[in-house]
Amino acid sequence: MKGDDFKQIIREEVGRVDELVALFTPWSMRRNWVWVEIGAAWVNQKRIVIVLYQVTLTDLDSGGGRAVLNDLNLVEINDIERYFEEVKTRVQGMAS
């Protein structure tokens, strides 16, 4: 909401989630707040999944981001349905 401290909201919400999904586009990969959220999730030992849309790992190298992302799950946008099935399986397993 207008006037809310979104930085504080990010800190709080990252602590509550089990998983962070970041959509990397040519535009978003250059945005500092995307990287801040990924860093916050990494520090909090959250599962991080990067969805690539019109972006490659080579593109990420230009900003040094690949060093942070090497060990993370990367999903091409065309494989997003398979990722959603994996999430569904994990959630169902937790509910059992």
Protein backbone atom coordinates (compact mmCIF):
# COMPACT_ATOMS: atom_id res chain seq x y z
CA MET A 1 0.00 0.00 0.00
CA LYS A 2 1.07 3.55 -0.53
CA GLY A 3 3.37 4.62 2.26
CA ASP A 4 4.21 1.07 3.37
CA ASP A 5 7.86 0.28 3.98
CA PHE A 6 8.27 -2.24 1.18
CA LYS A 7 11.84 -3.02 2.27
CA GLN A 8 10.54 -4.18 5.64
CA ILE A 9 7.73 -6.10 3.94
CA ILE A 10 10.29 -7.93 1.78
CA ARG A 11 12.33 -8.85 4.88
CA GLU A 12 9.26 -10.15 6.68
CA GLU A 13 7.78 -12.04 3.75
CA VAL A 14 11.03 -13.74 2.77
CA GLY A 15 11.14 -15.12 6.29
CA ARG A 16 7.65 -16.60 5.87
CA VAL A 17 7.96 -18.27 2.48
CA ASP A 18 9.27 -21.73 1.70
CA GLU A 19 10.30 -20.87 -1.84
CA LEU A 20 11.16 -17.81 -3.93
CA VAL A 21 10.45 -17.80 -7.66
CA ALA A 22 12.11 -15.03 -9.63
CA LEU A 23 11.25 -14.36 -13.27
CA PHE A 24 14.33 -13.18 -15.10
CA THR A 25 13.68 -11.15 -18.22
CA PRO A 26 16.12 -8.85 -20.01
CA TRP A 27 14.60 -6.03 -17.95
CA SER A 28 14.21 -7.67 -14.53
CA MET A 29 17.73 -9.14 -14.37
CA ARG A 30 19.07 -5.58 -14.21
CA ARG A 31 16.81 -4.54 -11.33
CA ASN A 32 18.52 -4.28 -7.94
CA TRP A 33 15.45 -5.31 -5.96
CA VAL A 34 15.23 -8.65 -7.76
CA TRP A 35 18.77 -9.40 -6.59
CA VAL A 36 18.03 -8.11 -3.07
CA GLU A 37 15.09 -10.50 -2.79
CA ILE A 38 17.20 -13.40 -4.08
CA GLY A 39 19.96 -12.52 -1.62
CA ALA A 40 17.47 -12.34 1.25
CA ALA A 41 16.07 -15.75 0.32
CA TRP A 42 19.58 -17.18 0.02
CA VAL A 43 20.59 -15.86 3.46
CA ASN A 44 17.39 -17.31 4.92
CA GLN A 45 18.17 -20.69 3.29
CA LYS A 46 15.02 -20.69 1.19
CA ARG A 47 14.58 -22.67 -2.00
CA ILE A 48 15.16 -20.33 -4.94
CA VAL A 49 13.96 -21.03 -8.45
CA ILE A 50 14.88 -18.77 -11.34
CA VAL A 51 12.62 -18.77 -14.38
CA LEU A 52 14.39 -17.59 -17.53
CA TYR A 53 12.44 -15.73 -20.21
CA GLN A 54 14.50 -14.42 -23.12
CA VAL A 55 17.57 -14.63 -20.85
CA THR A 56 20.43 -17.15 -20.75
CA LEU A 57 23.06 -17.97 -18.15
CA THR A 58 25.56 -16.17 -20.38
CA ASP A 59 23.43 -13.02 -20.07
CA LEU A 60 23.62 -13.32 -16.30
CA ASP A 61 27.41 -13.54 -16.45
CA SER A 62 27.59 -9.97 -17.72
CA GLY A 63 26.37 -8.69 -14.35
CA GLY A 64 28.17 -11.24 -12.21
CA GLY A 65 24.88 -12.81 -11.15
CA ARG A 66 25.70 -16.30 -12.30
CA ALA A 67 28.09 -16.74 -9.38
CA VAL A 68 25.12 -16.48 -7.04
CA LEU A 69 22.85 -18.62 -9.21
CA ASN A 70 25.13 -21.55 -10.05
CA ASP A 71 23.72 -23.85 -7.38
CA LEU A 72 20.12 -22.80 -7.80
CA ASN A 73 17.32 -24.28 -9.82
CA LEU A 74 16.97 -22.68 -13.22
CA VAL A 75 13.85 -23.19 -15.29
CA GLU A 76 13.32 -22.14 -18.88
CA ILE A 77 9.91 -20.52 -19.34
CA ASN A 78 8.90 -23.35 -21.69
CA ASP A 79 9.45 -25.84 -18.83
CA ILE A 80 7.37 -23.94 -16.28
CA GLU A 81 4.57 -26.52 -16.29
CA ARG A 82 7.02 -29.23 -15.21
CA TYR A 83 8.16 -26.98 -12.36
CA PHE A 84 4.54 -26.44 -11.28
CA GLU A 85 4.07 -30.22 -11.20
CA GLU A 86 7.15 -30.50 -8.96
CA VAL A 87 5.70 -27.89 -6.61
CA LYS A 88 2.37 -29.72 -6.56
CA THR A 89 4.13 -32.97 -5.66
CA ARG A 90 6.11 -31.29 -2.85
CA VAL A 91 3.01 -29.62 -1.41
CA GLN A 92 1.02 -32.83 -1.52
CA GLY A 93 3.88 -34.63 0.21
CA MET A 94 3.90 -32.03 2.98
CA ALA A 95 0.15 -32.39 3.46
CA SER A 96 0.39 -36.16 3.93
